[in-house]
Each structure stands twice: as structure tokens, then as C-alpha cells.
PDB file of N, CA and C in Angstrom:
ATOM      1  N   MET A   1       0.832  -1.173   0.000  1.00  0.00           N
ATOM      2  CA  MET A   1       0.000   0.000   0.000  1.00  0.00           C
ATOM      3  C   MET A   1       0.887   1.250   0.000  1.00  0.00           C
ATOM      4  N   GLY A   2       0.313   2.359  -0.376  1.00  0.00           N
ATOM      5  CA  GLY A   2       1.086   3.606  -0.450  1.00  0.00           C
ATOM      6  C   GLY A   2       1.103   4.347   0.869  1.00  0.00           C
ATOM      7  N   GLY A   3       2.269   4.701   1.308  1.00  0.00           N
ATOM      8  CA  GLY A   3       2.395   5.480   2.536  1.00  0.00           C
ATOM      9  C   GLY A   3       2.683   6.929   2.196  1.00  0.00           C
ATOM     10  N   ALA A   4       2.250   7.821   3.031  1.00  0.00           N
ATOM     11  CA  ALA A   4       2.470   9.247   2.793  1.00  0.00           C
ATOM     12  C   ALA A   4       3.899   9.617   3.179  1.00  0.00           C
ATOM     13  N   ALA A   5       4.532  10.364   2.321  1.00  0.00           N
ATOM     14  CA  ALA A   5       5.892  10.810   2.611  1.00  0.00           C
ATOM     15  C   ALA A   5       5.823  12.034   3.516  1.00  0.00           C
ATOM     16  N   THR A   6       6.638  12.020   4.526  1.00  0.00           N
ATOM     17  CA  THR A   6       6.662  13.154   5.443  1.00  0.00           C
ATOM     18  C   THR A   6       8.047  13.749   5.457  1.00  0.00           C
ATOM     19  N   SER A   7       8.097  15.047   5.647  1.00  0.00           N
ATOM     20  CA  SER A   7       9.392  15.712   5.776  1.00  0.00           C
ATOM     21  C   SER A   7       9.383  16.499   7.074  1.00  0.00           C
ATOM     22  N   VAL A   8      10.498  16.475   7.733  1.00  0.00           N
ATOM     23  CA  VAL A   8      10.618  17.166   9.009  1.00  0.00           C
ATOM     24  C   VAL A   8      11.605  18.299   8.834  1.00  0.00           C
ATOM     25  N   SER A   9      11.201  19.497   9.204  1.00  0.00           N
ATOM     26  CA  SER A   9      12.079  20.644   9.124  1.00  0.00           C
ATOM     27  C   SER A   9      12.937  20.705  10.380  1.00  0.00           C
ATOM     28  N   THR A  10      14.227  20.818  10.179  1.00  0.00           N
ATOM     29  CA  THR A  10      15.130  20.904  11.331  1.00  0.00           C
ATOM     30  C   THR A  10      15.704  22.302  11.396  1.00  0.00           C
ATOM     31  N   PHE A  11      15.082  23.155  12.147  1.00  0.00           N
ATOM     32  CA  PHE A  11      15.547  24.525  12.333  1.00  0.00           C
ATOM     33  C   PHE A  11      15.871  24.707  13.800  1.00  0.00           C
ATOM     34  N   ASP A  12      17.137  24.975  14.084  1.00  0.00           N
ATOM     35  CA  ASP A  12      17.526  25.122  15.473  1.00  0.00           C
ATOM     36  C   ASP A  12      17.616  26.575  15.914  1.00  0.00           C
ATOM     37  N   GLY A  13      17.519  27.524  14.987  1.00  0.00           N
ATOM     38  CA  GLY A  13      17.526  28.934  15.346  1.00  0.00           C
ATOM     39  C   GLY A  13      18.905  29.482  15.659  1.00  0.00           C
ATOM     40  N   SER A  14      19.938  28.672  15.577  1.00  0.00           N
ATOM     41  CA  SER A  14      21.268  29.148  15.942  1.00  0.00           C
ATOM     42  C   SER A  14      22.052  29.680  14.749  1.00  0.00           C
ATOM     43  N   ARG A  15      21.584  29.443  13.554  1.00  0.00           N
ATOM     44  CA  ARG A  15      22.289  29.921  12.365  1.00  0.00           C
ATOM     45  C   ARG A  15      21.931  31.371  12.114  1.00  0.00           C
ATOM     46  N   SER A  16      22.884  32.275  12.259  1.00  0.00           N
ATOM     47  CA  SER A  16      22.599  33.684  12.001  1.00  0.00           C
ATOM     48  C   SER A  16      22.659  33.936  10.504  1.00  0.00           C
ATOM     49  N   GLY A  17      21.800  34.806  10.036  1.00  0.00           N
ATOM     50  CA  GLY A  17      21.778  35.135   8.622  1.00  0.00           C
ATOM     51  C   GLY A  17      20.910  34.226   7.797  1.00  0.00           C
ATOM     52  N   SER A  18      20.244  33.267   8.396  1.00  0.00           N
ATOM     53  CA  SER A  18      19.444  32.351   7.605  1.00  0.00           C
ATOM     54  C   SER A  18      17.955  32.660   7.694  1.00  0.00           C
ATOM     55  N   ASN A  19      17.583  33.668   8.435  1.00  0.00           N
ATOM     56  CA  ASN A  19      16.161  33.974   8.545  1.00  0.00           C
ATOM     57  C   ASN A  19      15.889  35.433   8.191  1.00  0.00           C
ATOM     58  N   MET A  20      14.633  35.787   8.095  1.00  0.00           N
ATOM     59  CA  MET A  20      14.226  37.116   7.656  1.00  0.00           C
ATOM     60  C   MET A  20      14.578  38.194   8.671  1.00  0.00           C
ATOM     61  N   LEU A  21      14.660  37.852   9.930  1.00  0.00           N
ATOM     62  CA  LEU A  21      14.931  38.858  10.955  1.00  0.00           C
ATOM     63  C   LEU A  21      16.323  39.457  10.836  1.00  0.00           C
ATOM     64  N   TRP A  22      17.206  38.825  10.082  1.00  0.00           N
ATOM     65  CA  TRP A  22      18.548  39.343   9.921  1.00  0.00           C
ATOM     66  C   TRP A  22      18.536  40.704   9.244  1.00  0.00           C
ATOM     67  N   PHE A  23      17.537  40.980   8.413  1.00  0.00           N
ATOM     68  CA  PHE A  23      17.454  42.261   7.724  1.00  0.00           C
ATOM     69  C   PHE A  23      17.127  43.401   8.686  1.00  0.00           C
ATOM     70  N   TYR A  24      16.621  43.106   9.841  1.00  0.00           N
ATOM     71  CA  TYR A  24      16.186  44.132  10.774  1.00  0.00           C
ATOM     72  C   TYR A  24      17.112  44.268  11.977  1.00  0.00           C
ATOM     73  N   THR A  25      18.311  43.778  11.879  1.00  0.00           N
ATOM     74  CA  THR A  25      19.260  43.897  12.976  1.00  0.00           C
ATOM     75  C   THR A  25      20.295  44.962  12.660  1.00  0.00           C
ATOM     76  N   ASN A  26      21.124  45.284  13.606  1.00  0.00           N
ATOM     77  CA  ASN A  26      22.190  46.256  13.382  1.00  0.00           C
ATOM     78  C   ASN A  26      23.283  45.704  12.477  1.00  0.00           C
ATOM     79  N   ASN A  27      23.312  44.408  12.277  1.00  0.00           N
ATOM     80  CA  ASN A  27      24.325  43.799  11.422  1.00  0.00           C
ATOM     81  C   ASN A  27      23.992  43.923   9.944  1.00  0.00           C
ATOM     82  N   ALA A  28      22.779  44.313   9.626  1.00  0.00           N
ATOM     83  CA  ALA A  28      22.362  44.395   8.231  1.00  0.00           C
ATOM     84  C   ALA A  28      23.050  45.574   7.548  1.00  0.00           C
ATOM     85  N   SER A  29      23.453  45.350   6.307  1.00  0.00           N
ATOM     86  CA  SER A  29      24.057  46.440   5.556  1.00  0.00           C
ATOM     87  C   SER A  29      22.956  47.261   4.893  1.00  0.00           C
ATOM     88  N   GLY A  30      23.279  48.475   4.538  1.00  0.00           N
ATOM     89  CA  GLY A  30      22.317  49.323   3.845  1.00  0.00           C
ATOM     90  C   GLY A  30      21.940  50.543   4.651  1.00  0.00           C
ATOM     91  N   LEU A  31      20.927  51.228   4.195  1.00  0.00           N
ATOM     92  CA  LEU A  31      20.479  52.468   4.804  1.00  0.00           C
ATOM     93  C   LEU A  31      19.735  52.178   6.095  1.00  0.00           C
ATOM     94  N   LYS A  32      20.167  52.805   7.161  1.00  0.00           N
ATOM     95  CA  LYS A  32      19.514  52.615   8.452  1.00  0.00           C
ATOM     96  C   LYS A  32      18.811  53.922   8.824  1.00  0.00           C
ATOM     97  N   ILE A  33      17.490  53.907   8.810  1.00  0.00           N
ATOM     98  CA  ILE A  33      16.719  55.083   9.179  1.00  0.00           C
ATOM     99  C   ILE A  33      15.715  54.694  10.250  1.00  0.00           C
ATOM    100  N   SER A  34      15.345  55.664  11.040  1.00  0.00           N
ATOM    101  CA  SER A  34      14.438  55.388  12.152  1.00  0.00           C
ATOM    102  C   SER A  34      12.998  55.300  11.657  1.00  0.00           C
ATOM    103  N   LEU A  35      12.149  54.787  12.507  1.00  0.00           N
ATOM    104  CA  LEU A  35      10.734  54.668  12.151  1.00  0.00           C
ATOM    105  C   LEU A  35      10.087  56.035  11.995  1.00  0.00           C
ATOM    106  N   THR A  36      10.558  57.020  12.746  1.00  0.00           N
ATOM    107  CA  THR A  36      10.010  58.377  12.630  1.00  0.00           C
ATOM    108  C   THR A  36      10.267  58.946  11.241  1.00  0.00           C
ATOM    109  N   ILE A  37      11.453  58.737  10.720  1.00  0.00           N
ATOM    110  CA  ILE A  37      11.779  59.231   9.384  1.00  0.00           C
ATOM    111  C   ILE A  37      10.925  58.529   8.332  1.00  0.00           C
ATOM    112  N   VAL A  38      10.706  57.251   8.491  1.00  0.00           N
ATOM    113  CA  VAL A  38       9.852  56.508   7.550  1.00  0.00           C
ATOM    114  C   VAL A  38       8.432  57.059   7.582  1.00  0.00           C
ATOM    115  N   LEU A  39       7.932  57.351   8.778  1.00  0.00           N
ATOM    116  CA  LEU A  39       6.588  57.902   8.900  1.00  0.00           C
ATOM    117  C   LEU A  39       6.493  59.282   8.256  1.00  0.00           C
ATOM    118  N   VAL A  40       7.474  60.137   8.492  1.00  0.00           N
ATOM    119  CA  VAL A  40       7.463  61.482   7.907  1.00  0.00           C
ATOM    120  C   VAL A  40       7.553  61.400   6.379  1.00  0.00           C
ATOM    121  N   MET A  41       8.412  60.540   5.874  1.00  0.00           N
ATOM    122  CA  MET A  41       8.526  60.398   4.421  1.00  0.00           C
ATOM    123  C   MET A  41       7.231  59.878   3.814  1.00  0.00           C
ATOM    124  N   SER A  42       6.554  58.960   4.492  1.00  0.00           N
ATOM    125  CA  SER A  42       5.282  58.438   3.993  1.00  0.00           C
ATOM    126  C   SER A  42       4.217  59.531   3.958  1.00  0.00           C
ATOM    127  N   LEU A  43       4.154  60.322   5.013  1.00  0.00           N
ATOM    128  CA  LEU A  43       3.175  61.408   5.053  1.00  0.00           C
ATOM    129  C   LEU A  43       3.468  62.469   3.990  1.00  0.00           C
ATOM    130  N   CYS A  44       4.743  62.756   3.742  1.00  0.00           N
ATOM    131  CA  CYS A  44       5.098  63.698   2.679  1.00  0.00           C
ATOM    132  C   CYS A  44       4.699  63.171   1.314  1.00  0.00           C
ATOM    133  N   PHE A  45       4.881  61.882   1.088  1.00  0.00           N
ATOM    134  CA  PHE A  45       4.479  61.286  -0.184  1.00  0.00           C
ATOM    135  C   PHE A  45       2.970  61.376  -0.368  1.00  0.00           C
ATOM    136  N   ILE A  46       2.220  61.091   0.682  1.00  0.00           N
ATOM    137  CA  ILE A  46       0.753  61.180   0.607  1.00  0.00           C
ATOM    138  C   ILE A  46       0.330  62.610   0.318  1.00  0.00           C
ATOM    139  N   ALA A  47       0.962  63.583   1.002  1.00  0.00           N
ATOM    140  CA  ALA A  47       0.638  64.993   0.776  1.00  0.00           C
ATOM    141  C   ALA A  47       0.962  65.405  -0.662  1.00  0.00           C
ATOM    142  N   PHE A  48       2.067  64.907  -1.207  1.00  0.00           N
ATOM    143  CA  PHE A  48       2.441  65.218  -2.580  1.00  0.00           C
ATOM    144  C   PHE A  48       1.421  64.677  -3.573  1.00  0.00           C
ATOM    145  N   VAL A  49       0.953  63.454  -3.367  1.00  0.00           N
ATOM    146  CA  VAL A  49      -0.051  62.864  -4.259  1.00  0.00           C
ATOM    147  C   VAL A  49      -1.369  63.623  -4.171  1.00  0.00           C
ATOM    148  N   VAL A  50      -1.762  64.029  -2.963  1.00  0.00           N
ATOM    149  CA  VAL A  50      -2.994  64.809  -2.791  1.00  0.00           C
ATOM    150  C   VAL A  50      -2.862  66.160  -3.479  1.00  0.00           C
ATOM    151  N   ALA A  51      -1.693  66.800  -3.357  1.00  0.00           N
ATOM    152  CA  ALA A  51      -1.477  68.097  -4.011  1.00  0.00           C
ATOM    153  C   ALA A  51      -1.539  67.951  -5.525  1.00  0.00           C
ATOM    154  N   LEU A  52      -0.928  66.907  -6.073  1.00  0.00           N
ATOM    155  CA  LEU A  52      -1.010  66.688  -7.517  1.00  0.00           C
ATOM    156  C   LEU A  52      -2.455  66.475  -7.966  1.00  0.00           C
ATOM    157  N   HIS A  53      -3.214  65.754  -7.172  1.00  0.00           N
ATOM    158  CA  HIS A  53      -4.620  65.532  -7.492  1.00  0.00           C
ATOM    159  C   HIS A  53      -5.385  66.853  -7.505  1.00  0.00           C
ATOM    160  N   ALA A  54      -5.164  67.674  -6.504  1.00  0.00           N
ATOM    161  CA  ALA A  54      -5.864  68.965  -6.414  1.00  0.00           C
ATOM    162  C   ALA A  54      -5.452  69.885  -7.558  1.00  0.00           C
ATOM    163  N   PHE A  55      -4.154  69.964  -7.852  1.00  0.00           N
ATOM    164  CA  PHE A  55      -3.702  70.822  -8.955  1.00  0.00           C
ATOM    165  C   PHE A  55      -4.242  70.335 -10.290  1.00  0.00           C
ATOM    166  N   GLY A  56      -4.346  69.044 -10.456  1.00  0.00           N
ATOM    167  CA  GLY A  56      -4.913  68.502 -11.689  1.00  0.00           C
ATOM    168  C   GLY A  56      -6.372  68.877 -11.858  1.00  0.00           C
ATOM    169  N   LYS A  57      -7.131  68.814 -10.766  1.00  0.00           N
ATOM    170  CA  LYS A  57      -8.548  69.207 -10.844  1.00  0.00           C
ATOM    171  C   LYS A  57      -8.685  70.700 -11.135  1.00  0.00           C
ATOM    172  N   ILE A  58      -7.853  71.526 -10.518  1.00  0.00           N
ATOM    173  CA  ILE A  58      -7.906  72.981 -10.758  1.00  0.00           C
ATOM    174  C   ILE A  58      -7.533  73.282 -12.199  1.00  0.00           C
ATOM    175  N   TYR A  59      -6.477  72.637 -12.715  1.00  0.00           N
ATOM    176  CA  TYR A  59      -6.043  72.862 -14.089  1.00  0.00           C
ATOM    177  C   TYR A  59      -7.121  72.443 -15.072  1.00  0.00           C
ATOM    178  N   ARG A  60      -7.757  71.306 -14.811  1.00  0.00           N
ATOM    179  CA  ARG A  60      -8.801  70.820 -15.703  1.00  0.00           C
ATOM    180  C   ARG A  60     -10.016  71.755 -15.683  1.00  0.00           C
ATOM    181  N   ALA A  61     -10.360  72.284 -14.518  1.00  0.00           N
ATOM    182  CA  ALA A  61     -11.498  73.198 -14.418  1.00  0.00           C
ATOM    183  C   ALA A  61     -11.217  74.499 -15.155  1.00  0.00           C
ATOM    184  N   LYS A  62      -9.979  75.020 -15.057  1.00  0.00           N
ATOM    185  CA  LYS A  62      -9.624  76.244 -15.764  1.00  0.00           C
ATOM    186  C   LYS A  62      -9.575  76.026 -17.276  1.00  0.00           C
ATOM    187  N   ALA A  63      -9.103  74.857 -17.701  1.00  0.00           N
ATOM    188  CA  ALA A  63      -9.024  74.564 -19.131  1.00  0.00           C
ATOM    189  C   ALA A  63     -10.415  74.413 -19.727  1.00  0.00           C
ATOM    190  N   ARG A  64     -11.343  73.869 -18.958  1.00  0.00           N
ATOM    191  CA  ARG A  64     -12.704  73.708 -19.430  1.00  0.00           C
ATOM    192  C   ARG A  64     -13.435  75.038 -19.524  1.00  0.00           C
ATOM    193  N   ALA A  65     -13.124  75.968 -18.628  1.00  0.00           N
ATOM    194  CA  ALA A  65     -13.790  77.273 -18.612  1.00  0.00           C
ATOM    195  C   ALA A  65     -13.380  78.113 -19.811  1.00  0.00           C
ATOM    196  N   GLY A  66     -12.141  77.952 -20.251  1.00  0.00           N
ATOM    197  CA  GLY A  66     -11.664  78.682 -21.419  1.00  0.00           C
ATOM    198  C   GLY A  66     -11.358  80.129 -21.090  1.00  0.00           C
ATOM    199  N   PRO A  67     -10.772  80.831 -22.078  1.00  0.00           N
ATOM    200  CA  PRO A  67     -10.419  82.252 -21.859  1.00  0.00           C
ATOM    201  C   PRO A  67     -11.592  83.186 -21.981  1.00  0.00           C
TER     202      PRO A  67
END
């Protein structure tokens, strides 16, 4: 008869650099910025998109009105 094949994962947690949390440690290379800076940059991006939306609506309304 057919038996089901099973696989067992052997993760001991002692290997550094083998998991996703390594990207969030001080050992990770790359740009290190605080959460406050990320929040401010996100809010600035949202404000920029809203401003572009508003300017687009104003420009379209003026173009439709004509000279």
C-alpha cells in the first residue's frame, strides 16, 4: 500500500543570517533610518499625491472654462 511521505524541518535557530529577521538587525548592511523618518517620508508622499490631485482638478477646471 502507499504510505504518505513526510518531511521534518530541522531549524535550530542558531544559524545567524538564515532567517528574515537578519534584515532588521544592526548587522544588516544598507540604509539605516528610524521609524520616525519613515513615517514622515510616507506622510510627505501622501501629501504630494494629494497636491497633484488637487492641482490637476484645478487645471482641468480652468481649461474647461476657457479664456
